Amino acid sequence: MKKRIALVGGGRMGGAMLRGWAPMADAFDLVVFEPYPSAEVSEIVAAQNWVLNPDPAETSAFDCIVLGIKPQLFQSVGEQTIKHLVSDQTLVLSIMAGIGTAKITEILSASQVIRAMPNTPGQIGKGVTAYWNSPTVPLDAEALAVSLLRPLGTVEKLQSEKQMDAVTAVSGSGPAYVFLLAEAMAAAGEAEGLDRALAERLAWQTVIGAAALMEETGQNPQDLRRAVTSPEGTTAAATDALTAGGGIITLVRRAVEAAIHRSRQLGK
């Protein structure tokens, strides 16, 4: 019998999950709850003969509910809509930042909860998702959750729920740090006389190529950085400037700490 899956929230990450699930459409029946679906979400749902926005009051419980809504909306949406879709056997897979399993269990009366934190490169299957499951989650339910997360990219299991805030700060928010670096490189190039469009192309492709090189070679970033850094050369001068007085290392640490702090605030 096909599993019955509900996706609550069809934003960027929810849409990415739908794209990844499309080739698996024969494996389960899917219902999407999204009050303002994008054209793409509507097209994917229609193409796979899935269901969009049925009346929750007329919908029976699901095998798995994926929570892709903003954490600020969880309490109201959870109490008004999601709670009525949960049975004793329902697995709740949450990709919301900050909201812990205790709160999810309390609001939804769910006994099986898995928290996961994907990131935006999951939109093209190049993301990384870390997850943690409560001890009450059976192995088959955990396997179902992993199969739903794998289309987004690499999947990593955590040792404790306490690690989720750090994951949110490092990989969940991490793509923004890389994009900011690309912005800063392009702006610096423009300041030094390069045409803006050219500076952007050079910076963006450098970031893309550097990431691809790490993936292709399997070498760690420290070794790759040292390989391109000749003693007393231009790269050494630049990296010395970036790390002087703690520099970028300290800034990234502060950024991660700030993201962790905000994640914990969202969970209150």
Protein backbone atom coordinates (compact mmCIF):
# COMPACT_ATOMS: atom_id res chain seq x y z
CA MET A 1 0.00 0.00 0.00
CA LYS A 2 1.25 3.47 -0.89
CA LYS A 3 2.31 5.78 1.90
CA ARG A 4 0.18 8.88 2.38
CA ILE A 5 2.40 11.99 2.63
CA ALA A 6 1.37 15.56 3.40
CA LEU A 7 3.58 18.56 2.73
CA VAL A 8 2.58 21.61 4.75
CA GLY A 9 4.25 24.63 3.17
CA GLY A 10 5.25 24.84 -0.46
CA GLY A 11 7.85 27.62 -0.40
CA ARG A 12 11.39 27.40 -1.77
CA MET A 13 12.42 24.31 0.17
CA GLY A 14 9.00 22.70 -0.09
CA GLY A 15 9.09 23.29 -3.84
CA ALA A 16 12.58 21.78 -4.01
CA MET A 17 11.33 18.70 -2.21
CA LEU A 18 8.40 18.38 -4.60
CA ARG A 19 10.77 18.48 -7.59
CA GLY A 20 12.89 15.78 -5.99
CA TRP A 21 9.89 13.63 -5.18
CA ALA A 22 8.39 13.79 -8.69
CA PRO A 23 10.39 10.76 -9.97
CA MET A 24 9.15 8.85 -6.88
CA ALA A 25 5.50 9.71 -7.51
CA ASP A 26 4.44 6.07 -7.85
CA ALA A 27 5.75 5.30 -4.35
CA PHE A 28 3.27 7.42 -2.39
CA ASP A 29 0.16 9.58 -2.49
CA LEU A 30 0.90 13.23 -1.75
CA VAL A 31 -1.22 16.11 -0.52
CA VAL A 32 0.15 19.66 -0.43
CA PHE A 33 -1.18 22.35 1.88
CA GLU A 34 0.00 25.75 0.65
CA PRO A 35 -2.37 28.74 0.63
CA TYR A 36 -0.32 30.65 -1.96
CA PRO A 37 1.23 28.01 -4.24
CA SER A 38 3.64 29.17 -6.91
CA ALA A 39 2.96 28.30 -10.53
CA GLU A 40 5.72 25.69 -10.36
CA VAL A 41 4.26 24.00 -7.28
CA SER A 42 0.82 23.91 -8.89
CA GLU A 43 2.28 22.43 -12.09
CA ILE A 44 4.25 19.73 -10.26
CA VAL A 45 1.22 18.71 -8.19
CA ALA A 46 -1.01 18.56 -11.26
CA ALA A 47 1.53 16.64 -13.35
CA GLN A 48 1.85 13.92 -10.69
CA ASN A 49 -1.90 13.76 -9.97
CA TRP A 50 -1.23 14.83 -6.40
CA VAL A 51 -3.73 16.89 -4.41
CA LEU A 52 -3.44 20.58 -3.57
CA ASN A 53 -5.22 22.21 -0.63
CA PRO A 54 -8.02 19.79 0.25
CA ASP A 55 -10.26 20.59 3.21
CA PRO A 56 -8.29 19.39 6.26
CA ALA A 57 -11.54 18.52 8.04
CA GLU A 58 -12.32 16.01 5.30
CA THR A 59 -8.83 14.51 5.17
CA SER A 60 -7.81 11.42 7.10
CA ALA A 61 -4.53 11.03 8.98
CA PHE A 62 -1.26 10.64 7.06
CA ASP A 63 1.67 8.26 7.33
CA CYS A 64 4.06 11.22 7.20
CA ILE A 65 3.61 14.97 7.48
CA VAL A 66 6.46 17.21 6.29
CA LEU A 67 6.47 20.61 7.98
CA GLY A 68 7.90 23.21 5.61
CA ILE A 69 6.27 26.32 7.05
CA LYS A 70 7.97 29.26 8.74
CA PRO A 71 8.59 28.56 12.44
CA GLN A 72 6.71 31.73 13.39
CA LEU A 73 3.53 30.20 11.90
CA PHE A 74 3.84 26.78 13.47
CA GLN A 75 1.76 27.23 16.61
CA SER A 76 -1.27 28.73 14.86
CA VAL A 77 -1.16 26.48 11.78
CA GLY A 78 -0.31 23.47 13.92
CA GLU A 79 -3.28 23.90 16.22
CA GLN A 80 -5.74 24.92 13.49
CA THR A 81 -4.79 22.54 10.68
CA ILE A 82 -1.91 20.11 11.15
CA LYS A 83 -2.99 18.59 14.46
CA HIS A 84 -6.08 17.11 12.84
CA LEU A 85 -3.96 15.26 10.27
CA VAL A 86 -1.87 13.39 12.85
CA SER A 87 -2.54 9.92 14.28
CA ASP A 88 -0.56 7.80 16.72
CA GLN A 89 1.29 6.28 13.77
CA THR A 90 2.03 9.51 11.88
CA LEU A 91 5.65 10.49 11.38
CA VAL A 92 6.20 14.24 11.58
CA LEU A 93 9.25 15.39 9.60
CA SER A 94 10.04 19.02 10.38
CA ILE A 95 12.41 21.23 8.40
CA MET A 96 11.56 24.29 10.51
CA ALA A 97 14.45 26.12 12.16
CA GLY A 98 14.49 26.35 15.92
CA ILE A 99 11.32 24.42 16.78
CA GLY A 100 12.29 21.44 18.95
CA THR A 101 10.69 18.01 19.10
CA ALA A 102 9.17 18.72 22.53
CA LYS A 103 7.17 21.65 21.16
CA ILE A 104 6.16 19.76 18.02
CA THR A 105 5.02 16.84 20.16
CA GLU A 106 3.10 19.13 22.49
CA ILE A 107 1.21 21.02 19.79
CA LEU A 108 0.54 18.11 17.41
CA SER A 109 0.28 15.26 19.95
CA ALA A 110 2.74 13.40 17.73
CA SER A 111 4.79 10.51 19.09
CA GLN A 112 7.14 10.15 16.10
CA VAL A 113 9.12 13.30 15.26
CA ILE A 114 12.20 13.84 13.10
CA ARG A 115 13.86 17.24 12.80
CA ALA A 116 15.87 18.03 9.69
CA MET A 117 17.72 21.08 8.42
CA PRO A 118 18.26 21.25 4.64
CA ASN A 119 19.79 24.18 2.77
CA THR A 120 19.00 26.05 -0.42
CA PRO A 121 21.38 24.15 -2.77
CA GLY A 122 18.88 21.34 -2.23
CA GLN A 123 16.85 23.11 -4.92
CA ILE A 124 19.26 21.56 -7.44
CA GLY A 125 20.04 18.37 -5.52
CA LYS A 126 23.38 19.74 -4.26
CA GLY A 127 22.40 20.51 -0.69
CA VAL A 128 23.18 18.86 2.62
CA THR A 129 20.55 17.94 5.19
CA ALA A 130 21.25 16.91 8.77
CA TYR A 131 18.54 15.23 10.81
CA TRP A 132 17.82 13.94 14.28
CA ASN A 133 15.05 11.57 15.27
CA SER A 134 13.43 10.99 18.64
CA PRO A 135 13.95 7.52 20.16
CA THR A 136 10.28 6.69 19.54
CA VAL A 137 10.74 6.75 15.75
CA PRO A 138 10.79 3.20 14.28
CA LEU A 139 13.50 2.27 11.78
CA ASP A 140 11.06 2.04 8.87
CA ALA A 141 9.77 5.56 9.59
CA GLU A 142 13.33 6.88 9.76
CA ALA A 143 14.07 5.20 6.42
CA LEU A 144 11.00 6.89 4.92
CA ALA A 145 12.21 10.28 6.15
CA VAL A 146 15.69 9.74 4.71
CA SER A 147 14.18 8.75 1.34
CA LEU A 148 12.22 12.02 1.33
CA LEU A 149 15.32 14.07 2.19
CA ARG A 150 17.81 12.39 -0.14
CA PRO A 151 16.61 14.12 -3.36
CA LEU A 152 17.91 17.38 -1.84
CA GLY A 153 21.49 16.05 -1.67
CA THR A 154 23.67 14.55 1.07
CA VAL A 155 21.95 13.40 4.26
CA GLU A 156 23.72 13.29 7.64
CA LYS A 157 22.41 11.88 10.93
CA LEU A 158 23.11 13.78 14.15
CA GLN A 159 23.97 12.31 17.53
CA SER A 160 21.72 14.64 19.53
CA GLU A 161 19.04 17.25 19.03
CA LYS A 162 21.28 19.85 20.68
CA GLN A 163 23.37 19.84 17.49
CA MET A 164 20.46 21.16 15.40
CA ASP A 165 21.09 24.82 16.22
CA ALA A 166 24.73 24.51 15.13
CA VAL A 167 23.66 22.74 11.94
CA THR A 168 21.19 25.54 11.24
CA ALA A 169 23.99 28.09 11.66
CA VAL A 170 26.68 26.25 9.66
CA SER A 171 24.92 24.57 6.74
CA GLY A 172 21.35 25.87 6.94
CA SER A 173 22.42 29.52 6.81
CA GLY A 174 25.82 28.76 5.27
CA PRO A 175 24.95 29.32 1.61
CA ALA A 176 24.25 32.98 2.44
CA TYR A 177 27.80 33.34 3.77
CA VAL A 178 29.19 32.03 0.49
CA PHE A 179 26.91 34.31 -1.54
CA LEU A 180 28.03 37.26 0.57
CA LEU A 181 31.66 36.38 -0.14
CA ALA A 182 30.90 36.34 -3.87
CA GLU A 183 29.23 39.74 -3.53
CA ALA A 184 32.24 41.15 -1.65
CA MET A 185 34.73 39.79 -4.22
CA ALA A 186 32.75 41.31 -7.09
CA ALA A 187 32.46 44.65 -5.30
CA ALA A 188 36.21 44.69 -4.64
CA GLY A 189 36.93 43.95 -8.29
CA GLU A 190 34.65 46.77 -9.39
CA ALA A 191 36.35 49.13 -6.94
CA GLU A 192 39.68 48.27 -8.57
CA GLY A 193 38.45 49.24 -12.05
CA LEU A 194 36.77 46.14 -13.44
CA ASP A 195 33.45 46.49 -15.22
CA ARG A 196 30.73 45.45 -12.77
CA ALA A 197 29.36 42.65 -14.95
CA LEU A 198 32.84 41.25 -15.53
CA ALA A 199 33.70 41.47 -11.82
CA GLU A 200 30.53 39.55 -10.99
CA ARG A 201 31.25 36.84 -13.56
CA LEU A 202 34.80 36.43 -12.29
CA ALA A 203 33.74 36.27 -8.64
CA TRP A 204 30.76 33.98 -9.16
CA GLN A 205 32.61 31.51 -11.36
CA THR A 206 35.51 31.46 -8.92
CA VAL A 207 33.16 30.41 -6.11
CA ILE A 208 31.46 27.83 -8.34
CA GLY A 209 34.77 26.44 -9.54
CA ALA A 210 36.33 26.30 -6.08
CA ALA A 211 33.36 24.36 -4.72
CA ALA A 212 33.44 22.00 -7.69
CA LEU A 213 37.16 21.45 -7.15
CA MET A 214 36.59 20.43 -3.54
CA GLU A 215 33.85 18.04 -4.64
CA GLU A 216 35.77 16.57 -7.57
CA THR A 217 39.11 16.05 -5.81
CA GLY A 218 37.82 15.19 -2.34
CA GLN A 219 40.62 17.29 -0.87
CA ASN A 220 39.92 19.36 2.23
CA PRO A 221 39.79 23.16 1.83
CA GLN A 222 42.95 23.70 3.89
CA ASP A 223 45.04 21.60 1.49
CA LEU A 224 43.50 23.26 -1.57
CA ARG A 225 44.15 26.71 -0.10
CA ARG A 226 47.77 25.88 0.68
CA ALA A 227 48.28 24.48 -2.82
CA VAL A 228 47.34 27.80 -4.42
CA THR A 229 49.17 29.96 -1.87
CA SER A 230 52.78 30.55 -2.88
CA PRO A 231 55.06 31.99 -0.16
CA GLU A 232 55.17 35.78 -0.38
CA GLY A 233 52.84 35.71 -3.41
CA THR A 234 49.64 37.60 -4.12
CA THR A 235 47.36 34.94 -2.62
CA ALA A 236 49.43 34.87 0.58
CA ALA A 237 49.15 38.65 0.85
CA ALA A 238 45.38 38.44 0.43
CA THR A 239 44.83 35.61 2.91
CA ASP A 240 47.08 37.36 5.43
CA ALA A 241 44.84 40.40 5.14
CA LEU A 242 41.71 38.27 5.52
CA THR A 243 42.97 36.56 8.67
CA ALA A 244 44.82 39.44 10.38
CA GLY A 245 43.70 39.94 13.96
CA GLY A 246 41.34 36.98 13.72
CA GLY A 247 39.78 38.43 10.57
CA ILE A 248 37.44 36.21 8.62
CA ILE A 249 37.84 33.31 11.06
CA THR A 250 36.51 35.43 13.92
CA LEU A 251 33.78 36.97 11.78
CA VAL A 252 32.47 33.58 10.68
CA ARG A 253 32.52 32.34 14.25
CA ARG A 254 30.50 35.39 15.30
CA ALA A 255 28.09 34.82 12.43
CA VAL A 256 27.52 31.21 13.46
CA GLU A 257 26.99 32.23 17.09
CA ALA A 258 24.44 34.87 16.00
CA ALA A 259 22.56 32.33 13.90
CA ILE A 260 22.53 29.84 16.80
CA HIS A 261 21.17 32.53 19.11
CA ARG A 262 18.38 33.36 16.66
CA SER A 263 17.55 29.68 16.15
CA ARG A 264 17.10 29.28 19.90
CA GLN A 265 14.90 32.38 20.02
CA LEU A 266 12.64 30.90 17.32
CA GLY A 267 12.23 27.77 19.42
CA LYS A 268 10.83 29.60 22.44
